[in-house]
Protein backbone atom coordinates (compact mmCIF):
# COMPACT_ATOMS: atom_id res chain seq x y z
CA UNK A 1 25.65 24.91 -5.83
CA UNK A 2 26.86 25.65 -9.36
CA UNK A 3 30.47 24.72 -8.48
CA UNK A 4 29.29 21.52 -6.86
CA UNK A 5 27.33 20.57 -9.96
CA UNK A 6 30.37 21.22 -12.18
CA UNK A 7 32.60 19.12 -9.86
CA UNK A 8 30.19 16.16 -9.88
CA UNK A 9 29.87 16.31 -13.66
CA UNK A 10 33.67 16.29 -14.06
CA UNK A 11 34.04 13.39 -11.59
CA UNK A 12 31.47 11.35 -13.47
CA UNK A 13 33.43 11.92 -16.67
CA UNK A 14 36.68 10.76 -15.06
CA UNK A 15 35.04 7.63 -13.72
CA UNK A 16 33.66 6.86 -17.15
CA UNK A 17 37.21 6.98 -18.54
CA UNK A 18 38.86 5.11 -15.65
CA UNK A 19 36.46 2.16 -15.51
CA UNK A 20 36.82 -0.09 -18.57
CA UNK A 21 33.85 -1.63 -20.25
CA UNK A 22 32.82 -5.01 -18.78
CA UNK A 23 34.77 -7.85 -20.37
CA UNK A 24 32.75 -9.95 -22.73
CA UNK A 25 32.47 -13.65 -21.75
CA UNK A 26 34.56 -15.88 -24.02
CA UNK A 27 32.83 -17.82 -26.71
CA UNK A 28 32.03 -21.33 -25.44
CA UNK A 29 34.30 -23.93 -27.01
CA UNK A 30 32.68 -26.50 -29.20
CA UNK A 31 33.80 -29.87 -27.90
CA UNK A 32 33.08 -33.58 -28.05
CA UNK A 33 33.83 -35.68 -24.96
CA UNK A 34 34.76 -39.35 -25.40
CA UNK A 35 35.38 -41.96 -22.70
CA UNK A 36 37.84 -44.75 -23.48
CA UNK A 37 39.59 -47.62 -21.70
CA UNK A 38 42.95 -49.15 -22.54
CA UNK A 39 43.90 -52.56 -21.18
CA UNK A 40 47.19 -54.44 -21.30
CA UNK A 41 48.42 -57.48 -19.40
CA UNK A 42 51.77 -57.98 -17.71
CA UNK A 43 53.62 -61.04 -16.50
CA UNK A 44 53.73 -60.90 -12.69
CA UNK A 45 57.13 -60.62 -11.04
CA UNK A 46 55.97 -61.06 -7.45
CA UNK A 47 53.51 -63.32 -5.64
CA UNK A 48 52.07 -62.71 -2.19
CA UNK A 49 50.57 -65.40 -0.01
CA UNK A 50 48.35 -63.86 2.63
CA UNK A 51 47.07 -65.46 5.81
CA UNK A 52 45.83 -64.17 9.13
CA UNK A 53 46.54 -65.12 12.74
CA UNK A 54 43.54 -64.62 14.99
CA UNK A 55 43.01 -65.21 18.71
CA UNK A 56 39.89 -64.82 20.82
CA UNK A 57 39.31 -64.37 24.53
CA UNK A 58 36.81 -62.76 26.91
CA UNK A 59 39.60 -60.29 27.79
CA UNK A 60 41.35 -58.21 25.14
CA UNK A 61 44.70 -58.48 26.94
CA UNK A 62 44.54 -62.27 26.88
CA UNK A 63 43.62 -62.34 23.19
CA UNK A 64 46.56 -60.03 22.48
CA UNK A 65 49.05 -62.22 24.34
CA UNK A 66 47.77 -65.33 22.57
CA UNK A 67 48.12 -63.70 19.18
CA UNK A 68 51.59 -62.30 19.90
CA UNK A 69 52.74 -65.81 20.76
CA UNK A 70 51.12 -67.17 17.60
CA UNK A 71 52.91 -64.56 15.47
CA UNK A 72 56.27 -65.49 17.04
CA UNK A 73 55.63 -69.13 16.13
CA UNK A 74 54.66 -68.15 12.59
CA UNK A 75 57.80 -66.08 12.09
CA UNK A 76 60.04 -68.81 13.48
CA UNK A 77 58.46 -71.44 11.23
CA UNK A 78 58.75 -69.31 8.08
CA UNK A 79 62.39 -68.50 8.79
CA UNK A 80 63.07 -72.22 9.29
CA UNK A 81 61.53 -72.85 5.85
CA UNK A 82 64.10 -70.54 4.26
CA UNK A 83 62.17 -67.28 4.01
CA UNK A 84 64.08 -64.07 4.70
CA UNK A 85 63.01 -61.24 6.99
CA UNK A 86 62.26 -58.93 4.05
CA UNK A 87 59.88 -61.53 2.58
CA UNK A 88 57.64 -61.41 5.65
CA UNK A 89 55.29 -58.52 6.37
CA UNK A 90 52.88 -58.21 9.28
CA UNK A 91 50.00 -55.77 9.57
CA UNK A 92 50.24 -55.52 13.35
CA UNK A 93 47.67 -56.63 15.89
CA UNK A 94 44.12 -55.34 15.40
CA UNK A 95 41.33 -55.46 17.97
CA UNK A 96 37.71 -56.28 17.14
CA UNK A 97 34.70 -57.41 19.16
CA UNK A 98 34.33 -61.19 19.08
CA UNK A 99 32.55 -62.44 16.01
CA UNK A 100 33.76 -59.53 13.92
CA UNK A 101 31.46 -57.11 15.74
CA UNK A 102 28.43 -58.39 13.83
CA UNK A 103 24.94 -58.63 15.29
CA UNK A 104 23.06 -61.83 14.61
CA UNK A 105 19.33 -62.16 14.08
CA UNK A 106 17.57 -63.60 17.12
CA UNK A 107 20.57 -63.54 19.45
CA UNK A 108 22.98 -61.12 21.08
CA UNK A 109 26.40 -60.23 19.80
CA UNK A 110 29.09 -62.61 21.17
CA UNK A 111 31.03 -61.20 24.12
CA UNK A 112 34.81 -60.96 24.25
CA UNK A 113 37.45 -59.81 21.78
CA UNK A 114 39.32 -60.98 18.71
CA UNK A 115 42.87 -59.91 17.97
CA UNK A 116 44.17 -60.57 14.46
CA UNK A 117 47.33 -59.90 12.48
CA UNK A 118 47.48 -60.18 8.68
CA UNK A 119 50.62 -61.89 7.37
CA UNK A 120 51.98 -61.35 3.86
CA UNK A 121 54.62 -63.77 2.50
CA UNK A 122 56.42 -62.48 -0.60
CA UNK A 123 57.72 -64.79 -3.32
CA UNK A 124 60.05 -63.17 -5.88
CA UNK A 125 60.15 -63.62 -9.66
CA UNK A 126 62.59 -66.53 -9.43
CA UNK A 127 60.01 -68.46 -7.40
CA UNK A 128 57.43 -68.05 -10.17
CA UNK A 129 59.44 -69.58 -13.01
CA UNK A 130 58.58 -73.20 -12.29
CA UNK A 131 54.85 -73.60 -11.72
CA UNK A 132 55.10 -77.01 -10.04
CA UNK A 133 57.73 -75.79 -7.59
CA UNK A 134 55.76 -72.63 -6.92
CA UNK A 135 52.58 -74.54 -6.16
CA UNK A 136 54.53 -76.88 -3.88
CA UNK A 137 55.94 -73.91 -1.93
CA UNK A 138 52.52 -72.33 -1.53
CA UNK A 139 51.03 -75.63 -0.40
CA UNK A 140 53.82 -76.07 2.13
CA UNK A 141 53.29 -72.58 3.56
CA UNK A 142 49.52 -73.00 3.87
CA UNK A 143 49.87 -76.43 5.47
CA UNK A 144 52.48 -75.27 7.99
CA UNK A 145 50.44 -72.18 8.84
CA UNK A 146 47.36 -74.36 9.30
CA UNK A 147 49.23 -76.46 11.86
CA UNK A 148 49.79 -73.26 13.86
CA UNK A 149 46.13 -72.27 13.67
CA UNK A 150 46.76 -69.60 11.03
CA UNK A 151 44.40 -69.50 8.04
CA UNK A 152 43.39 -67.34 5.07
CA UNK A 153 42.14 -63.81 5.61
CA UNK A 154 38.38 -63.36 5.59
CA UNK A 155 38.53 -61.19 2.44
CA UNK A 156 40.66 -62.92 -0.23
CA UNK A 157 41.70 -61.31 -3.48
CA UNK A 158 38.95 -63.09 -5.38
CA UNK A 159 35.97 -64.98 -4.01
CA UNK A 160 35.29 -66.65 -7.36
CA UNK A 161 38.71 -67.36 -8.86
CA UNK A 162 39.33 -71.00 -9.72
CA UNK A 163 35.96 -71.90 -8.25
CA UNK A 164 36.78 -70.66 -4.77
CA UNK A 165 38.74 -68.19 -2.69
CA UNK A 166 42.27 -67.35 -3.80
CA UNK A 167 44.84 -66.62 -1.09
CA UNK A 168 47.67 -65.80 -3.49
CA UNK A 169 47.99 -62.41 -5.19
CA UNK A 170 50.20 -61.83 -8.23
CA UNK A 171 51.50 -58.32 -8.85
CA UNK A 172 53.79 -56.24 -11.05
CA UNK A 173 56.38 -54.26 -9.14
CA UNK A 174 56.69 -51.46 -11.70
CA UNK A 175 53.44 -51.01 -13.66
CA UNK A 176 54.38 -47.62 -15.21
CA UNK A 177 55.48 -48.96 -18.64
CA UNK A 178 52.27 -50.96 -18.91
CA UNK A 179 50.15 -47.99 -17.84
CA UNK A 180 51.77 -45.99 -20.66
CA UNK A 181 50.86 -48.72 -23.13
CA UNK A 182 47.27 -48.76 -21.85
CA UNK A 183 47.15 -44.94 -22.06
CA UNK A 184 48.29 -44.98 -25.69
CA UNK A 185 45.80 -47.71 -26.51
CA UNK A 186 42.96 -45.73 -24.94
CA UNK A 187 43.92 -42.58 -26.90
CA UNK A 188 44.02 -44.56 -30.15
CA UNK A 189 40.54 -45.91 -29.41
CA UNK A 190 39.08 -42.50 -28.53
CA UNK A 191 39.90 -40.64 -31.77
CA UNK A 192 37.87 -42.84 -34.19
CA UNK A 193 34.87 -42.53 -31.88
CA UNK A 194 35.20 -38.75 -31.84
CA UNK A 195 35.58 -38.67 -35.64
CA UNK A 196 32.43 -40.73 -36.05
CA UNK A 197 30.47 -38.42 -33.75
CA UNK A 198 31.79 -35.38 -35.61
CA UNK A 199 30.80 -36.89 -38.94
CA UNK A 200 27.26 -37.41 -37.72
CA UNK A 201 27.19 -33.79 -36.55
CA UNK A 202 28.58 -32.55 -39.90
CA UNK A 203 31.59 -30.97 -38.17
CA UNK A 204 35.35 -31.59 -38.17
CA UNK A 205 37.66 -32.43 -35.25
CA UNK A 206 40.34 -29.74 -34.90
CA UNK A 207 42.30 -30.85 -31.84
CA UNK A 208 42.30 -32.06 -28.25
CA UNK A 209 41.13 -29.69 -25.53
CA UNK A 210 41.97 -31.91 -22.54
CA UNK A 211 42.68 -35.48 -21.44
CA UNK A 212 41.76 -36.73 -17.96
CA UNK A 213 43.27 -40.16 -17.25
CA UNK A 214 42.60 -42.38 -14.25
CA UNK A 215 43.94 -45.86 -13.52
CA UNK A 216 41.37 -48.55 -12.78
CA UNK A 217 43.05 -49.95 -9.69
CA UNK A 218 41.94 -52.55 -7.21
CA UNK A 219 40.35 -49.83 -5.03
CA UNK A 220 37.67 -49.31 -7.67
CA UNK A 221 36.74 -52.98 -7.49
CA UNK A 222 37.44 -54.04 -3.90
CA UNK A 223 36.81 -50.84 -2.00
CA UNK A 224 39.15 -49.07 0.42
CA UNK A 225 38.27 -51.23 3.43
CA UNK A 226 39.72 -54.43 1.98
CA UNK A 227 42.76 -55.65 3.97
CA UNK A 228 44.67 -56.02 0.71
CA UNK A 229 45.02 -52.23 0.74
CA UNK A 230 47.95 -52.93 3.05
CA UNK A 231 49.87 -54.36 0.08
CA UNK A 232 51.91 -51.56 -1.57
CA UNK A 233 51.03 -52.58 -5.14
CA UNK A 234 48.22 -51.18 -7.23
CA UNK A 235 47.30 -54.10 -9.49
CA UNK A 236 46.46 -57.57 -8.19
CA UNK A 237 45.57 -60.74 -10.01
CA UNK A 238 44.72 -64.29 -8.99
CA UNK A 239 46.42 -65.58 -12.15
CA UNK A 240 50.11 -66.41 -12.40
CA UNK A 241 49.91 -65.88 -16.16
CA UNK A 242 48.90 -62.23 -16.33
CA UNK A 243 48.10 -59.12 -14.34
CA UNK A 244 45.52 -56.86 -16.08
CA UNK A 245 46.36 -53.16 -16.12
CA UNK A 246 43.70 -50.68 -17.23
CA UNK A 247 43.68 -46.94 -17.81
CA UNK A 248 40.46 -44.97 -18.26
CA UNK A 249 40.48 -41.70 -20.19
CA UNK A 250 38.07 -38.87 -20.79
CA UNK A 251 39.26 -37.08 -23.93
CA UNK A 252 37.70 -33.76 -24.91
CA UNK A 253 38.08 -32.95 -28.62
CA UNK A 254 37.49 -29.53 -30.18
CA UNK A 255 35.62 -29.20 -33.47
CA UNK A 256 34.38 -26.59 -35.89
């Protein structure tokens, strides 16, 4: 019993040496968080006219065949107007219940099926230089598409632009330089705000702990279900004069 007691005492001493004292939690940093937005505008270098071909039938297969034929007519017409293959983009045929799958008050949902295909017609920077010629080209496209039974998509870029729906989107192919400008602008706006807060707290800003940027893209405004998500450009505008590009920051400043 005595040897056992001595052994346990010695083991307890070894454990006391081997196990370090619990680490003390770090002192919480004293910080001030400031939200800021930078906005710049860019001249668009690409325009996109978007329309949609839609066919309806009691049978889905019939609606599909009708729409495939309509798309062939659309493509042939646009090529005859001088557009190149790489200027034409099609979303592919989509199936929906007739009437968009909506239920109507007081009556049943329409039977049958709709098949639709969104069509995007790209106009390059050279086409945007002369406003009168550009408007004439857009008018020609819309009129010729209308003759084929092809009209605007049900969710245009802006439901209020120019007093009505806009079916032309203006974009910037490479927004990175403008995003950098907006980022710098947002940083410049954040520091005076932080300094003012620090002054009111009787403290002094000592540095920046972190910066969390996020672009304010069309997804934040339109939502991910909008068909314009099929366009591979982040910023859209209904104005040929400028495309707004915004960057939102959350800047965390340290102080003492």
